[in-house]
C-alpha atoms as a PDB file:
ATOM      1  CA  UNK A   1      21.439   5.025 -14.714  1.00  0.00           C
ATOM      2  CA  UNK A   2      18.465   2.658 -14.463  1.00  0.00           C
ATOM      3  CA  UNK A   3      19.067   2.144 -10.718  1.00  0.00           C
ATOM      4  CA  UNK A   4      19.172   5.901 -10.098  1.00  0.00           C
ATOM      5  CA  UNK A   5      15.878   6.132 -11.952  1.00  0.00           C
ATOM      6  CA  UNK A   6      14.489   3.422  -9.655  1.00  0.00           C
ATOM      7  CA  UNK A   7      15.499   5.524  -6.639  1.00  0.00           C
ATOM      8  CA  UNK A   8      13.752   8.525  -8.145  1.00  0.00           C
ATOM      9  CA  UNK A   9      10.653   6.412  -8.775  1.00  0.00           C
ATOM     10  CA  UNK A  10      10.692   5.316  -5.120  1.00  0.00           C
ATOM     11  CA  UNK A  11      10.869   8.938  -4.002  1.00  0.00           C
ATOM     12  CA  UNK A  12       8.079  10.027  -6.345  1.00  0.00           C
ATOM     13  CA  UNK A  13       5.957   7.062  -5.270  1.00  0.00           C
ATOM     14  CA  UNK A  14       6.431   7.984  -1.607  1.00  0.00           C
ATOM     15  CA  UNK A  15       5.379  11.583  -2.154  1.00  0.00           C
ATOM     16  CA  UNK A  16       2.463  10.544  -4.362  1.00  0.00           C
ATOM     17  CA  UNK A  17       1.270   8.095  -1.732  1.00  0.00           C
ATOM     18  CA  UNK A  18       1.409  10.779   0.975  1.00  0.00           C
ATOM     19  CA  UNK A  19      -0.410  13.315  -1.196  1.00  0.00           C
ATOM     20  CA  UNK A  20      -3.134  10.830  -2.144  1.00  0.00           C
ATOM     21  CA  UNK A  21      -3.543   9.828   1.493  1.00  0.00           C
ATOM     22  CA  UNK A  22      -4.082  13.439   2.515  1.00  0.00           C
ATOM     23  CA  UNK A  23      -6.594  13.967  -0.286  1.00  0.00           C
ATOM     24  CA  UNK A  24      -8.463  10.799   0.668  1.00  0.00           C
ATOM     25  CA  UNK A  25      -8.859  11.782   4.285  1.00  0.00           C
ATOM     26  CA  UNK A  26     -10.136  15.244   3.339  1.00  0.00           C
ATOM     27  CA  UNK A  27     -12.674  13.670   0.980  1.00  0.00           C
ATOM     28  CA  UNK A  28     -13.829  11.311   3.756  1.00  0.00           C
ATOM     29  CA  UNK A  29     -15.858  14.060   5.382  1.00  0.00           C
ATOM     30  CA  UNK A  30     -18.084  14.387   2.304  1.00  0.00           C
ATOM     31  CA  UNK A  31     -18.343  10.818   0.991  1.00  0.00           C
ATOM     32  CA  UNK A  32     -16.738   8.060   3.070  1.00  0.00           C
ATOM     33  CA  UNK A  33     -17.484   5.306   0.550  1.00  0.00           C
ATOM     34  CA  UNK A  34     -15.667   7.165  -2.227  1.00  0.00           C
ATOM     35  CA  UNK A  35     -12.815   7.826   0.165  1.00  0.00           C
ATOM     36  CA  UNK A  36     -12.242   4.230   1.228  1.00  0.00           C
ATOM     37  CA  UNK A  37     -12.637   2.921  -2.317  1.00  0.00           C
ATOM     38  CA  UNK A  38     -10.043   5.415  -3.523  1.00  0.00           C
ATOM     39  CA  UNK A  39      -7.861   4.542  -0.552  1.00  0.00           C
ATOM     40  CA  UNK A  40      -8.008   0.861  -1.476  1.00  0.00           C
ATOM     41  CA  UNK A  41      -7.056   1.640  -5.078  1.00  0.00           C
ATOM     42  CA  UNK A  42      -4.121   3.844  -4.037  1.00  0.00           C
ATOM     43  CA  UNK A  43      -2.860   1.165  -1.660  1.00  0.00           C
ATOM     44  CA  UNK A  44      -3.052  -1.424  -4.442  1.00  0.00           C
ATOM     45  CA  UNK A  45      -1.209   0.809  -6.880  1.00  0.00           C
ATOM     46  CA  UNK A  46       1.500   1.507  -4.319  1.00  0.00           C
ATOM     47  CA  UNK A  47       1.944  -2.191  -3.517  1.00  0.00           C
ATOM     48  CA  UNK A  48       2.098  -3.124  -7.213  1.00  0.00           C
ATOM     49  CA  UNK A  49       4.618  -0.366  -7.987  1.00  0.00           C
ATOM     50  CA  UNK A  50       6.887  -1.317  -5.105  1.00  0.00           C
ATOM     51  CA  UNK A  51       6.721  -4.974  -6.050  1.00  0.00           C
ATOM     52  CA  UNK A  52       7.720  -4.163  -9.624  1.00  0.00           C
ATOM     53  CA  UNK A  53      10.647  -2.122  -8.318  1.00  0.00           C
ATOM     54  CA  UNK A  54      11.707  -5.099  -6.175  1.00  0.00           C
ATOM     55  CA  UNK A  55      11.548  -7.372  -9.214  1.00  0.00           C
ATOM     56  CA  UNK A  56      13.674  -4.918 -11.194  1.00  0.00           C
ATOM     57  CA  UNK A  57      16.208  -4.614  -8.375  1.00  0.00           C
ATOM     58  CA  UNK A  58      16.382  -8.405  -8.115  1.00  0.00           C
ATOM     59  CA  UNK A  59      16.894  -8.733 -11.865  1.00  0.00           C
ATOM     60  CA  UNK A  60      19.720  -6.206 -11.769  1.00  0.00           C
ATOM     61  CA  UNK A  61      21.440  -8.015  -8.900  1.00  0.00           C
ATOM     62  CA  UNK A  62      20.858  -5.270  -6.318  1.00  0.00           C
ATOM     63  CA  UNK A  63      18.871  -7.636  -4.066  1.00  0.00           C
ATOM     64  CA  UNK A  64      20.561 -10.857  -2.959  1.00  0.00           C
ATOM     65  CA  UNK A  65      18.841 -14.039  -1.743  1.00  0.00           C
ATOM     66  CA  UNK A  66      18.870 -13.048   1.931  1.00  0.00           C
ATOM     67  CA  UNK A  67      17.449  -9.620   1.144  1.00  0.00           C
ATOM     68  CA  UNK A  68      14.778 -11.205  -1.031  1.00  0.00           C
ATOM     69  CA  UNK A  69      13.686 -13.322   1.936  1.00  0.00           C
ATOM     70  CA  UNK A  70      13.421 -10.132   4.024  1.00  0.00           C
ATOM     71  CA  UNK A  71      11.483  -8.402   1.261  1.00  0.00           C
ATOM     72  CA  UNK A  72       9.108 -11.350   0.814  1.00  0.00           C
ATOM     73  CA  UNK A  73       8.407 -11.464   4.547  1.00  0.00           C
ATOM     74  CA  UNK A  74       7.187  -7.867   4.452  1.00  0.00           C
ATOM     75  CA  UNK A  75       5.495  -8.252   1.069  1.00  0.00           C
ATOM     76  CA  UNK A  76       3.454 -11.297   2.158  1.00  0.00           C
ATOM     77  CA  UNK A  77       2.234  -9.354   5.216  1.00  0.00           C
ATOM     78  CA  UNK A  78       1.133  -6.423   3.074  1.00  0.00           C
ATOM     79  CA  UNK A  79      -0.441  -8.732   0.502  1.00  0.00           C
ATOM     80  CA  UNK A  80      -2.405 -10.551   3.192  1.00  0.00           C
ATOM     81  CA  UNK A  81      -3.551  -7.279   4.746  1.00  0.00           C
ATOM     82  CA  UNK A  82      -4.587  -5.962   1.316  1.00  0.00           C
ATOM     83  CA  UNK A  83      -6.753  -9.028   0.744  1.00  0.00           C
ATOM     84  CA  UNK A  84      -8.368  -8.499   4.160  1.00  0.00           C
ATOM     85  CA  UNK A  85      -8.964  -4.834   3.289  1.00  0.00           C
ATOM     86  CA  UNK A  86     -10.656  -5.862   0.049  1.00  0.00           C
ATOM     87  CA  UNK A  87     -12.927  -8.278   1.884  1.00  0.00           C
ATOM     88  CA  UNK A  88     -13.803  -5.593   4.420  1.00  0.00           C
ATOM     89  CA  UNK A  89     -14.437  -3.032   1.683  1.00  0.00           C
ATOM     90  CA  UNK A  90     -16.767  -5.488  -0.010  1.00  0.00           C
ATOM     91  CA  UNK A  91     -18.693  -5.816   3.239  1.00  0.00           C
ATOM     92  CA  UNK A  92     -18.936  -2.024   3.547  1.00  0.00           C
ATOM     93  CA  UNK A  93     -20.343  -1.766   0.036  1.00  0.00           C
ATOM     94  CA  UNK A  94     -22.835  -4.625   0.273  1.00  0.00           C
ATOM     95  CA  UNK A  95     -24.299  -4.141   3.738  1.00  0.00           C
ATOM     96  CA  UNK A  96     -27.395  -2.022   4.197  1.00  0.00           C
ATOM     97  CA  UNK A  97     -27.215  -2.057   8.021  1.00  0.00           C
ATOM     98  CA  UNK A  98     -25.807   1.355   8.972  1.00  0.00           C
ATOM     99  CA  UNK A  99     -24.350   0.116  12.261  1.00  0.00           C
ATOM    100  CA  UNK A 100     -22.541  -2.770  10.539  1.00  0.00           C
ATOM    101  CA  UNK A 101     -21.420  -0.443   7.731  1.00  0.00           C
ATOM    102  CA  UNK A 102     -19.810   1.854  10.279  1.00  0.00           C
ATOM    103  CA  UNK A 103     -18.109  -1.108  11.999  1.00  0.00           C
ATOM    104  CA  UNK A 104     -16.764  -2.360   8.676  1.00  0.00           C
ATOM    105  CA  UNK A 105     -15.543   1.120   7.744  1.00  0.00           C
ATOM    106  CA  UNK A 106     -13.696   1.394  11.046  1.00  0.00           C
ATOM    107  CA  UNK A 107     -12.163  -2.041  10.468  1.00  0.00           C
ATOM    108  CA  UNK A 108     -11.147  -1.023   6.945  1.00  0.00           C
ATOM    109  CA  UNK A 109      -9.480   2.162   8.199  1.00  0.00           C
ATOM    110  CA  UNK A 110      -7.515   0.143  10.737  1.00  0.00           C
ATOM    111  CA  UNK A 111      -6.359  -2.372   8.127  1.00  0.00           C
ATOM    112  CA  UNK A 112      -5.500   0.444   5.703  1.00  0.00           C
ATOM    113  CA  UNK A 113      -3.391   2.079   8.425  1.00  0.00           C
ATOM    114  CA  UNK A 114      -1.514  -1.187   8.886  1.00  0.00           C
ATOM    115  CA  UNK A 115      -1.001  -1.470   5.135  1.00  0.00           C
ATOM    116  CA  UNK A 116       0.328   2.089   4.985  1.00  0.00           C
ATOM    117  CA  UNK A 117       2.882   1.213   7.646  1.00  0.00           C
ATOM    118  CA  UNK A 118       3.926  -1.910   5.740  1.00  0.00           C
ATOM    119  CA  UNK A 119       4.187   0.069   2.492  1.00  0.00           C
ATOM    120  CA  UNK A 120       6.475   2.507   4.274  1.00  0.00           C
ATOM    121  CA  UNK A 121       8.501  -0.460   5.512  1.00  0.00           C
ATOM    122  CA  UNK A 122       8.755  -1.860   1.959  1.00  0.00           C
ATOM    123  CA  UNK A 123       9.736   1.537   0.594  1.00  0.00           C
ATOM    124  CA  UNK A 124      12.418   1.982   3.262  1.00  0.00           C
ATOM    125  CA  UNK A 125      13.777  -1.510   2.604  1.00  0.00           C
ATOM    126  CA  UNK A 126      13.929  -0.998  -1.161  1.00  0.00           C
ATOM    127  CA  UNK A 127      15.514   2.433  -0.766  1.00  0.00           C
ATOM    128  CA  UNK A 128      18.171   0.871   1.465  1.00  0.00           C
ATOM    129  CA  UNK A 129      19.125  -1.847  -1.016  1.00  0.00           C
ATOM    130  CA  UNK A 130      19.119   0.603  -3.907  1.00  0.00           C
ATOM    131  CA  UNK A 131      21.937   2.739  -2.485  1.00  0.00           C
END
């Protein structure tokens, strides 16, 4: 029963992530700083939720050692990208140079896109081992 609930949580998380992403990009036209800050928070929440699901699946024996190595490979990429996104977001917030701010925002959007792809990869992996 608990593993079926985990699958449902994965599905809800996926839909929530997509809905939040759409809302963020619509908001970007009115206040880009609010949009990227919210984007960063949503990405962090998604990463944390997926990692907790992986821990639960590992505890229940649904993920073996080899699968955990695969998971960690993806997770460390997303974690590294999230740290880079945070650094870039900090630069967006603290710079007063409008040209640099725009460059940093573009860099953040690129990193966030990469993170979204990695989150999808994590979600797909966890869904596959939870069958």
